[in-house]
């Protein structure tokens, strides 16, 4: 993947106030595969009694990671937007642990990209959540 496309994707993620405020960190981006970390932060807690990160924060990082995967796919010359995203929450994230999300854009048509993602903490054998989604493909002829 070209370094300019990686830079554009990083700038895109950093320009989204929500992503920046949540502390998302793009760590890998190459040919339709993206990895974004969501470090544990007390401001993201959804249940004060358990310290578990709110499901909305998990949803946001999964959506952003899927979009980055689409943007990095060799068949997508432009930007993207979410059409549909289904997230299945498998378990609560472990308090204090970073959530790592990996998304793969596995098929691109003229107008739609298809993506799968998994969010996990240190227990990578038991995902926190999985996602499947469709995203727009802009500018493809």
Protein backbone atom coordinates (compact mmCIF):
# COMPACT_ATOMS: atom_id res chain seq x y z
CA UNK A 1 0.00 0.00 0.00
CA UNK A 2 1.30 3.45 -0.81
CA UNK A 3 2.48 5.59 2.06
CA UNK A 4 0.29 8.46 0.83
CA UNK A 5 -2.84 6.29 1.18
CA UNK A 6 -1.77 5.29 4.71
CA UNK A 7 -1.21 8.94 5.57
CA UNK A 8 -4.63 9.90 4.21
CA UNK A 9 -6.28 7.16 6.30
CA UNK A 10 -4.42 8.26 9.44
CA UNK A 11 -5.39 11.89 8.85
CA UNK A 12 -8.98 10.80 8.24
CA UNK A 13 -9.15 8.97 11.57
CA UNK A 14 -7.37 11.75 13.46
CA UNK A 15 -9.71 14.34 11.91
CA UNK A 16 -12.80 12.64 13.32
CA UNK A 17 -13.25 14.30 16.72
CA UNK A 18 -15.06 11.26 18.10
CA UNK A 19 -12.20 8.90 17.15
CA UNK A 20 -9.59 11.29 18.49
CA UNK A 21 -11.49 11.84 21.75
CA UNK A 22 -11.88 8.09 22.26
CA UNK A 23 -8.11 7.70 21.84
CA UNK A 24 -8.17 5.42 18.78
CA UNK A 25 -4.74 4.55 17.40
CA UNK A 26 -4.32 3.21 13.86
CA UNK A 27 -1.44 0.73 14.12
CA UNK A 28 -1.57 -1.16 10.82
CA UNK A 29 -3.11 -0.53 7.43
CA UNK A 30 -2.40 -2.53 4.32
CA UNK A 31 -4.35 -3.73 1.29
CA UNK A 32 -7.78 -3.95 2.86
CA UNK A 33 -6.74 -4.85 6.40
CA UNK A 34 -6.72 -2.33 9.25
CA UNK A 35 -5.85 -2.56 12.93
CA UNK A 36 -6.93 0.06 15.45
CA UNK A 37 -6.30 0.07 19.20
CA UNK A 38 -8.69 1.55 21.74
CA UNK A 39 -6.71 2.00 24.97
CA UNK A 40 -8.61 1.54 28.20
CA UNK A 41 -9.67 4.86 29.67
CA UNK A 42 -11.92 5.56 32.64
CA UNK A 43 -13.90 8.06 30.57
CA UNK A 44 -15.07 5.13 28.39
CA UNK A 45 -16.54 3.11 31.24
CA UNK A 46 -20.17 2.15 30.71
CA UNK A 47 -20.73 0.41 34.05
CA UNK A 48 -19.08 2.12 37.03
CA UNK A 49 -19.58 -0.96 39.21
CA UNK A 50 -17.52 -3.23 36.93
CA UNK A 51 -15.30 -0.79 35.02
CA UNK A 52 -16.30 -2.33 31.67
CA UNK A 53 -15.92 -0.15 28.57
CA UNK A 54 -19.24 0.99 27.11
CA UNK A 55 -20.51 -0.95 24.10
CA UNK A 56 -20.81 2.30 22.16
CA UNK A 57 -17.04 2.80 22.34
CA UNK A 58 -16.53 -0.74 21.03
CA UNK A 59 -19.03 -0.06 18.25
CA UNK A 60 -17.25 3.18 17.29
CA UNK A 61 -13.82 1.57 17.04
CA UNK A 62 -15.21 -1.31 14.99
CA UNK A 63 -16.97 1.06 12.57
CA UNK A 64 -13.85 3.21 12.20
CA UNK A 65 -11.61 0.19 11.68
CA UNK A 66 -13.93 -1.23 9.02
CA UNK A 67 -13.95 2.10 7.21
CA UNK A 68 -10.14 2.24 7.30
CA UNK A 69 -9.95 -1.27 5.85
CA UNK A 70 -12.21 -0.23 2.96
CA UNK A 71 -10.16 2.92 2.35
CA UNK A 72 -6.98 0.84 2.16
CA UNK A 73 -8.33 -1.76 -0.25
CA UNK A 74 -6.52 -1.63 -3.62
CA UNK A 75 -9.87 -1.61 -5.49
CA UNK A 76 -11.20 1.46 -3.67
CA UNK A 77 -9.84 4.70 -5.10
CA UNK A 78 -11.62 7.03 -2.68
CA UNK A 79 -13.42 7.50 0.59
CA UNK A 80 -16.20 5.49 2.16
CA UNK A 81 -19.25 5.67 4.40
CA UNK A 82 -21.04 3.02 6.42
CA UNK A 83 -24.13 1.55 4.79
CA UNK A 84 -24.79 -1.18 7.34
CA UNK A 85 -22.86 -2.56 10.31
CA UNK A 86 -23.95 -5.52 12.41
CA UNK A 87 -22.08 -6.03 15.67
CA UNK A 88 -22.42 -9.14 17.81
CA UNK A 89 -21.18 -8.59 21.36
CA UNK A 90 -19.69 -11.84 22.63
CA UNK A 91 -18.62 -10.76 26.12
CA UNK A 92 -17.65 -7.73 28.17
CA UNK A 93 -14.16 -6.38 27.59
CA UNK A 94 -11.81 -6.93 30.50
CA UNK A 95 -11.48 -3.73 32.55
CA UNK A 96 -8.05 -2.14 32.23
CA UNK A 97 -7.19 -3.78 28.91
CA UNK A 98 -6.76 -2.22 25.48
CA UNK A 99 -9.22 -3.33 22.82
CA UNK A 100 -7.62 -4.28 19.51
CA UNK A 101 -9.83 -4.31 16.43
CA UNK A 102 -8.80 -5.91 13.14
CA UNK A 103 -10.99 -5.40 10.07
CA UNK A 104 -10.69 -7.04 6.65
CA UNK A 105 -12.31 -5.72 3.50
CA UNK A 106 -12.77 -9.01 1.67
CA UNK A 107 -14.85 -8.02 -1.40
CA UNK A 108 -15.40 -4.83 -3.36
CA UNK A 109 -18.00 -4.30 -6.08
CA UNK A 110 -18.52 -1.16 -8.14
CA UNK A 111 -20.52 0.52 -5.35
CA UNK A 112 -20.23 -1.57 -2.18
CA UNK A 113 -17.40 -2.97 -0.05
CA UNK A 114 -17.90 -5.92 2.33
CA UNK A 115 -16.03 -6.07 5.62
CA UNK A 116 -15.56 -8.38 8.62
CA UNK A 117 -14.01 -7.33 11.93
CA UNK A 118 -13.14 -8.70 15.33
CA UNK A 119 -12.51 -6.79 18.57
CA UNK A 120 -10.48 -8.42 21.31
CA UNK A 121 -8.61 -7.66 24.47
CA UNK A 122 -5.66 -9.69 25.81
CA UNK A 123 -7.77 -12.87 25.54
CA UNK A 124 -7.56 -13.13 21.74
CA UNK A 125 -9.17 -16.60 21.77
CA UNK A 126 -12.48 -15.16 22.99
CA UNK A 127 -13.47 -12.02 21.05
CA UNK A 128 -15.23 -9.12 22.72
CA UNK A 129 -17.26 -8.54 19.55
CA UNK A 130 -17.45 -9.42 15.88
CA UNK A 131 -18.86 -7.34 13.04
CA UNK A 132 -19.93 -7.59 9.43
CA UNK A 133 -20.68 -4.58 7.35
CA UNK A 134 -21.18 -2.93 4.01
CA UNK A 135 -19.61 0.39 3.04
CA UNK A 136 -19.84 2.73 0.07
CA UNK A 137 -17.17 2.72 -2.63
CA UNK A 138 -16.64 6.21 -4.03
CA UNK A 139 -15.28 7.14 -7.39
CA UNK A 140 -14.92 3.66 -8.87
CA UNK A 141 -15.73 3.32 -12.53
